[in-house]
């Protein structure tokens, strides 16, 4: 018996889809009695979560079912952003895992706070829900729904983070804003600072990194929604606090996927292949492709041959204080437009 993943989809959300994903994983791994079951469902299942969890407990023989629902799900077999789909990764009963001070963390979009995020434990994982953070989502642990966050002791052999966003230009200060409209930066029309980048890149690939004025808060990427040429203002996807810092950035799907591939190759150099993996990606990053193929998923398939993996497309990724590359941050943080890959022996 060995760790294995499964994927299933259907014309509508049903317990049969969840059962098919878990059954497929167990068959691929030769598993007759499951240990831990990672189950990820698309948000189409929001009215059937409890039924799916009960069905998975019966078919797997395990109460140790953890996971979340999100905009889309994937395993190494397939990916989906718009169909009712389920992805699962199943460990055999009594399969050894490292725990220590590291935790897999999955959270609701409205549950993130610095007290939980940085309570002393190293956390990695993702935010459930869709790209807006307003859609349907659910979390579960021990085959029971949870309403804010879950975390389970789990330590990866290495964690790879591909943020994939290029910083453009210097740090500015937000000096005037009205709701979503950014009026001035450094007391000058905001559009004057973005204009040179609009001449080089499509608007939908441009982002603003907001640095909150409170020292304990983490910077976050916000998409550019539109511009007002007459007023010289810019509409962003979130309200903007006066006095906060702002940097412009650019996301390119091809460059980001290449960066992800290079990081995985570097992490695996001279080492044995991992036995299994979990991956969490950004909904916005996935739709930045051509709509037919998913570049980051293609990278995972190509660089991790024969390694079972599963994960979902969510509303943000939880990046740990330390990574497999030895980088150390002062705190866990939330990012978006990123791929987080956790490799396990």
Protein backbone atom coordinates (compact mmCIF):
# COMPACT_ATOMS: atom_id res chain seq x y z
CA UNK A 1 0.00 0.00 0.00
CA UNK A 2 1.19 3.51 -0.83
CA UNK A 3 -0.15 7.09 -0.88
CA UNK A 4 -2.29 7.75 -3.92
CA UNK A 5 -4.63 10.36 -5.33
CA UNK A 6 -7.92 10.32 -7.19
CA UNK A 7 -10.04 12.73 -9.20
CA UNK A 8 -13.65 12.64 -10.32
CA UNK A 9 -16.17 15.03 -11.86
CA UNK A 10 -19.78 14.92 -12.94
CA UNK A 11 -22.57 16.92 -14.54
CA UNK A 12 -23.72 17.91 -11.05
CA UNK A 13 -22.42 17.76 -7.49
CA UNK A 14 -23.25 14.48 -5.76
CA UNK A 15 -21.90 12.11 -3.14
CA UNK A 16 -21.05 9.72 -5.99
CA UNK A 17 -18.42 12.17 -7.28
CA UNK A 18 -16.72 12.38 -3.87
CA UNK A 19 -16.89 8.60 -3.46
CA UNK A 20 -15.38 8.10 -6.93
CA UNK A 21 -12.39 10.34 -6.16
CA UNK A 22 -11.59 8.55 -2.89
CA UNK A 23 -12.25 5.08 -4.33
CA UNK A 24 -9.97 5.85 -7.26
CA UNK A 25 -7.16 6.91 -4.91
CA UNK A 26 -7.54 3.79 -2.78
CA UNK A 27 -7.50 1.54 -5.83
CA UNK A 28 -4.41 3.24 -7.27
CA UNK A 29 -2.58 2.86 -3.95
CA UNK A 30 -3.77 -0.66 -3.21
CA UNK A 31 -5.30 0.71 0.00
CA UNK A 32 -7.94 -1.36 1.78
CA UNK A 33 -7.98 0.68 5.00
CA UNK A 34 -7.33 4.42 4.76
CA UNK A 35 -5.49 6.50 7.29
CA UNK A 36 -5.61 10.22 6.59
CA UNK A 37 -7.84 11.35 3.72
CA UNK A 38 -7.32 14.77 2.15
CA UNK A 39 -10.57 15.60 0.33
CA UNK A 40 -11.04 18.74 -1.77
CA UNK A 41 -14.37 19.63 -3.37
CA UNK A 42 -15.39 22.39 -5.76
CA UNK A 43 -17.84 24.93 -4.37
CA UNK A 44 -20.66 23.25 -6.33
CA UNK A 45 -20.93 20.86 -3.34
CA UNK A 46 -21.79 23.53 -0.77
CA UNK A 47 -25.21 22.01 0.02
CA UNK A 48 -23.93 18.43 0.18
CA UNK A 49 -20.79 18.65 2.29
CA UNK A 50 -22.09 16.60 5.22
CA UNK A 51 -23.47 13.89 2.94
CA UNK A 52 -20.14 13.68 1.11
CA UNK A 53 -18.16 13.45 4.34
CA UNK A 54 -20.35 10.63 5.68
CA UNK A 55 -20.03 8.75 2.39
CA UNK A 56 -16.23 9.14 2.37
CA UNK A 57 -15.96 7.84 5.95
CA UNK A 58 -17.88 4.71 4.93
CA UNK A 59 -15.90 4.05 1.75
CA UNK A 60 -12.47 4.77 3.28
CA UNK A 61 -13.02 3.31 6.74
CA UNK A 62 -11.41 6.42 8.25
CA UNK A 63 -12.73 9.33 10.29
CA UNK A 64 -9.52 11.27 9.63
CA UNK A 65 -10.93 13.25 6.70
CA UNK A 66 -9.64 16.82 6.28
CA UNK A 67 -10.02 19.37 3.50
CA UNK A 68 -11.93 22.29 2.05
CA UNK A 69 -14.08 23.43 -0.82
CA UNK A 70 -12.77 26.02 -3.24
CA UNK A 71 -13.15 27.48 -6.73
CA UNK A 72 -11.53 24.43 -8.35
CA UNK A 73 -9.67 21.25 -7.49
CA UNK A 74 -6.99 19.08 -9.04
CA UNK A 75 -4.87 15.96 -8.74
CA UNK A 76 -2.19 14.67 -11.09
CA UNK A 77 -4.96 13.10 -13.18
CA UNK A 78 -6.89 16.29 -14.04
CA UNK A 79 -7.84 19.82 -12.99
CA UNK A 80 -11.08 21.79 -13.07
CA UNK A 81 -12.21 25.36 -12.41
CA UNK A 82 -15.80 25.18 -13.60
CA UNK A 83 -17.15 21.64 -13.18
CA UNK A 84 -18.44 19.84 -10.08
CA UNK A 85 -15.29 17.94 -9.16
CA UNK A 86 -13.54 16.21 -6.28
CA UNK A 87 -9.87 15.47 -5.68
CA UNK A 88 -8.50 13.25 -2.93
CA UNK A 89 -5.18 12.09 -1.61
CA UNK A 90 -5.31 9.03 0.63
CA UNK A 91 -2.61 7.72 2.97
CA UNK A 92 -2.67 4.08 4.08
CA UNK A 93 -3.57 3.37 7.70
CA UNK A 94 -0.67 4.02 10.09
CA UNK A 95 1.36 5.71 7.37
CA UNK A 96 4.16 7.64 9.15
CA UNK A 97 4.14 11.43 8.88
CA UNK A 98 6.41 14.03 10.47
CA UNK A 99 4.61 16.48 12.80
CA UNK A 100 6.80 18.59 15.12
CA UNK A 101 5.93 22.32 15.09
CA UNK A 102 4.57 22.55 11.52
CA UNK A 103 0.88 22.55 10.60
CA UNK A 104 -1.22 22.24 7.48
CA UNK A 105 -3.63 25.17 7.79
CA UNK A 106 -6.80 25.77 5.78
CA UNK A 107 -8.93 28.81 6.54
CA UNK A 108 -12.10 30.62 5.57
CA UNK A 109 -11.61 33.98 3.78
CA UNK A 110 -13.09 35.91 6.69
CA UNK A 111 -11.21 34.09 9.46
CA UNK A 112 -7.66 35.29 8.87
CA UNK A 113 -6.13 37.26 11.72
CA UNK A 114 -2.57 37.79 12.89
CA UNK A 115 -3.22 36.20 16.29
CA UNK A 116 -4.04 32.85 14.67
CA UNK A 117 -1.66 33.18 11.73
CA UNK A 118 1.33 33.78 14.00
CA UNK A 119 0.57 31.88 17.18
CA UNK A 120 4.04 30.34 17.28
CA UNK A 121 3.46 27.44 14.89
CA UNK A 122 4.83 27.20 11.36
CA UNK A 123 1.83 27.06 9.02
CA UNK A 124 1.41 26.25 5.33
CA UNK A 125 -1.79 25.87 3.34
CA UNK A 126 -4.44 27.98 1.70
CA UNK A 127 -7.62 30.03 1.94
CA UNK A 128 -10.81 28.33 0.79
CA UNK A 129 -13.45 29.92 -1.43
CA UNK A 130 -13.36 31.65 -4.79
CA UNK A 131 -11.16 34.48 -6.05
CA UNK A 132 -13.39 37.15 -4.49
CA UNK A 133 -13.45 35.61 -1.03
CA UNK A 134 -17.23 36.06 -1.05
CA UNK A 135 -18.39 32.80 -2.61
CA UNK A 136 -19.32 29.46 -1.08
CA UNK A 137 -16.68 27.63 0.90
CA UNK A 138 -16.43 24.99 3.61
CA UNK A 139 -13.75 23.40 5.79
CA UNK A 140 -13.67 20.01 7.46
CA UNK A 141 -11.56 18.09 9.93
CA UNK A 142 -12.18 14.67 11.49
CA UNK A 143 -14.98 14.37 8.90
CA UNK A 144 -16.85 17.29 10.52
CA UNK A 145 -17.40 20.79 9.14
CA UNK A 146 -15.51 23.66 10.73
CA UNK A 147 -16.37 27.32 10.38
CA UNK A 148 -13.19 29.39 10.59
CA UNK A 149 -10.02 27.37 10.11
CA UNK A 150 -8.46 23.98 10.58
CA UNK A 151 -4.89 23.01 11.26
CA UNK A 152 -3.29 19.61 11.68
CA UNK A 153 0.28 18.78 12.70
CA UNK A 154 2.13 17.94 9.49
CA UNK A 155 5.69 18.62 8.39
CA UNK A 156 6.77 18.54 4.76
CA UNK A 157 10.16 17.44 3.48
CA UNK A 158 10.30 20.73 1.64
CA UNK A 159 7.93 23.56 0.77
CA UNK A 160 8.22 25.40 -2.53
CA UNK A 161 6.58 28.79 -3.06
CA UNK A 162 6.29 30.38 -6.48
CA UNK A 163 4.97 33.92 -6.09
CA UNK A 164 5.54 34.76 -9.73
CA UNK A 165 4.95 38.52 -9.50
CA UNK A 166 7.52 41.05 -10.69
CA UNK A 167 7.88 44.30 -8.73
CA UNK A 168 7.62 47.38 -10.94
CA UNK A 169 9.06 50.62 -9.64
CA UNK A 170 9.48 52.19 -6.20
CA UNK A 171 7.35 52.22 -3.06
CA UNK A 172 4.67 54.96 -3.03
CA UNK A 173 2.42 56.28 -0.26
CA UNK A 174 -1.38 56.40 -0.66
CA UNK A 175 -2.30 60.03 -0.05
CA UNK A 176 -5.91 60.09 -1.29
CA UNK A 177 -8.50 57.37 -1.95
CA UNK A 178 -12.27 56.97 -2.05
CA UNK A 179 -13.49 53.42 -1.53
CA UNK A 180 -11.96 51.34 -4.31
CA UNK A 181 -10.68 54.39 -6.19
CA UNK A 182 -7.03 55.27 -5.72
CA UNK A 183 -6.78 59.01 -6.33
CA UNK A 184 -3.23 60.08 -5.50
CA UNK A 185 0.15 58.57 -4.65
CA UNK A 186 2.73 60.81 -3.04
CA UNK A 187 0.22 63.69 -3.65
CA UNK A 188 0.33 63.16 -7.43
CA UNK A 189 -2.38 61.57 -9.63
CA UNK A 190 -2.12 57.82 -9.16
CA UNK A 191 -2.47 57.07 -12.86
CA UNK A 192 0.77 58.94 -13.58
CA UNK A 193 2.71 56.23 -11.72
CA UNK A 194 0.87 53.35 -13.41
CA UNK A 195 0.82 54.83 -16.92
CA UNK A 196 4.30 53.65 -17.99
CA UNK A 197 3.43 50.09 -16.94
CA UNK A 198 0.10 50.18 -18.80
CA UNK A 199 2.09 50.99 -21.93
CA UNK A 200 4.13 47.80 -21.47
CA UNK A 201 1.67 45.26 -20.03
CA UNK A 202 -2.05 44.37 -20.38
CA UNK A 203 -4.10 45.93 -17.59
CA UNK A 204 -5.43 42.57 -16.39
CA UNK A 205 -1.87 41.45 -15.54
CA UNK A 206 -1.10 44.47 -13.32
CA UNK A 207 -1.37 44.36 -9.53
CA UNK A 208 -0.82 46.65 -6.58
CA UNK A 209 1.03 45.40 -3.52
CA UNK A 210 -0.39 47.15 -0.47
CA UNK A 211 1.79 47.61 2.60
CA UNK A 212 -0.51 48.38 5.57
CA UNK A 213 0.59 51.11 7.97
CA UNK A 214 0.29 48.75 10.97
CA UNK A 215 3.62 46.90 11.50
CA UNK A 216 1.94 43.55 12.32
CA UNK A 217 0.04 43.37 9.02
CA UNK A 218 1.39 41.65 5.94
CA UNK A 219 1.49 43.16 2.42
CA UNK A 220 -1.04 41.79 -0.06
CA UNK A 221 -1.50 41.87 -3.84
CA UNK A 222 -4.61 43.59 -5.19
CA UNK A 223 -5.71 43.38 -8.87
CA UNK A 224 -6.08 46.52 -10.97
CA UNK A 225 -9.75 46.74 -12.08
CA UNK A 226 -9.86 49.89 -14.22
CA UNK A 227 -8.68 53.47 -14.75
CA UNK A 228 -10.28 56.90 -14.98
CA UNK A 229 -8.29 58.98 -17.46
CA UNK A 230 -10.15 62.20 -16.69
CA UNK A 231 -9.50 62.06 -12.94
CA UNK A 232 -6.17 60.27 -13.18
CA UNK A 233 -7.40 57.65 -10.70
CA UNK A 234 -7.27 53.85 -10.60
CA UNK A 235 -9.83 51.33 -9.39
CA UNK A 236 -8.44 48.44 -7.35
CA UNK A 237 -10.15 45.34 -6.00
CA UNK A 238 -10.05 46.39 -2.32
CA UNK A 239 -10.47 49.56 -0.29
CA UNK A 240 -7.24 51.43 0.26
CA UNK A 241 -6.09 52.85 3.62
CA UNK A 242 -4.56 56.31 3.63
CA UNK A 243 -0.89 56.28 4.55
CA UNK A 244 -0.34 52.72 3.39
CA UNK A 245 2.51 51.90 1.04
CA UNK A 246 1.96 50.70 -2.52
CA UNK A 247 4.14 49.09 -5.17
CA UNK A 248 3.02 48.20 -8.68
CA UNK A 249 3.60 44.67 -9.91
CA UNK A 250 3.13 42.52 -12.99
CA UNK A 251 2.09 38.89 -13.30
CA UNK A 252 3.02 36.82 -16.34
CA UNK A 253 1.69 33.25 -16.41
CA UNK A 254 4.47 31.88 -18.60
CA UNK A 255 7.25 33.42 -16.54
CA UNK A 256 5.63 32.33 -13.28
CA UNK A 257 5.27 28.72 -14.44
CA UNK A 258 8.89 28.66 -15.56
CA UNK A 259 9.91 29.94 -12.13
CA UNK A 260 7.87 27.18 -10.47
CA UNK A 261 9.53 24.52 -12.64
CA UNK A 262 13.01 25.79 -11.79
CA UNK A 263 12.26 25.82 -8.07
CA UNK A 264 10.97 22.23 -8.12
CA UNK A 265 13.95 21.00 -10.13
CA UNK A 266 16.35 22.71 -7.71
CA UNK A 267 14.55 21.25 -4.68
CA UNK A 268 14.69 17.70 -6.09
CA UNK A 269 18.31 17.81 -7.24
CA UNK A 270 20.25 14.91 -5.75
CA UNK A 271 17.29 13.68 -3.71
CA UNK A 272 14.85 10.80 -4.06
CA UNK A 273 11.42 11.52 -5.44
CA UNK A 274 8.86 12.42 -2.77
CA UNK A 275 6.17 9.86 -1.99
CA UNK A 276 3.27 12.35 -2.19
CA UNK A 277 2.51 16.06 -2.32
CA UNK A 278 -0.11 18.70 -1.61
CA UNK A 279 -0.41 21.82 -3.75
CA UNK A 280 -2.42 25.02 -3.38
CA UNK A 281 -2.74 27.50 -6.21
CA UNK A 282 -4.42 30.82 -6.90
CA UNK A 283 -7.70 30.93 -8.79
CA UNK A 284 -6.55 34.12 -10.53
CA UNK A 285 -3.23 32.53 -11.46
CA UNK A 286 -4.98 29.57 -13.09
CA UNK A 287 -7.31 31.71 -15.20
CA UNK A 288 -4.34 33.81 -16.38
CA UNK A 289 -3.53 30.96 -18.77
CA UNK A 290 -5.16 30.41 -22.13
CA UNK A 291 -8.29 28.82 -20.65
CA UNK A 292 -7.55 25.48 -22.29
CA UNK A 293 -4.43 24.32 -20.49
CA UNK A 294 -3.25 25.12 -16.96
CA UNK A 295 0.48 26.01 -17.07
CA UNK A 296 1.27 25.41 -13.40
CA UNK A 297 -0.54 22.05 -13.38
CA UNK A 298 1.46 21.06 -16.46
CA UNK A 299 4.66 21.93 -14.56
CA UNK A 300 3.64 19.79 -11.58
CA UNK A 301 2.90 16.85 -13.89
CA UNK A 302 6.21 17.22 -15.74
CA UNK A 303 8.50 17.74 -12.74
CA UNK A 304 6.82 15.21 -10.40
CA UNK A 305 6.33 12.11 -12.57
CA UNK A 306 4.69 9.25 -10.66
CA UNK A 307 4.21 11.43 -7.56
CA UNK A 308 0.56 11.55 -6.42
CA UNK A 309 -0.63 15.02 -5.51
CA UNK A 310 -3.89 16.86 -4.87
CA UNK A 311 -4.97 20.37 -4.02
CA UNK A 312 -7.26 23.27 -4.87
CA UNK A 313 -7.46 26.73 -6.42
CA UNK A 314 -8.33 29.15 -3.64
CA UNK A 315 -8.36 32.73 -2.45
CA UNK A 316 -4.81 32.89 -1.12
CA UNK A 317 -1.92 30.80 0.06
CA UNK A 318 -0.54 30.54 3.60
CA UNK A 319 3.23 30.76 3.38
CA UNK A 320 5.30 29.43 6.29
CA UNK A 321 8.07 31.22 8.14
CA UNK A 322 10.58 28.73 6.76
CA UNK A 323 10.75 26.94 3.42
CA UNK A 324 12.64 23.99 2.00
CA UNK A 325 15.09 26.40 0.41
CA UNK A 326 16.19 27.62 3.83
CA UNK A 327 14.58 31.06 3.51
CA UNK A 328 13.39 32.50 6.81
CA UNK A 329 10.61 35.06 7.25
CA UNK A 330 9.77 36.73 10.53
CA UNK A 331 6.19 35.49 10.34
CA UNK A 332 3.78 33.28 8.44
CA UNK A 333 2.02 35.33 5.78
CA UNK A 334 -0.80 35.31 3.23
CA UNK A 335 -0.07 35.73 -0.48
CA UNK A 336 -2.03 35.36 -3.70
CA UNK A 337 -1.17 34.70 -7.35
CA UNK A 338 1.07 31.98 -5.97
CA UNK A 339 1.58 28.23 -5.96
CA UNK A 340 2.54 26.48 -2.73
CA UNK A 341 3.84 22.94 -3.12
CA UNK A 342 4.53 20.71 -0.08
CA UNK A 343 6.55 17.53 -0.72
CA UNK A 344 6.41 14.55 1.64
CA UNK A 345 8.33 11.30 2.11
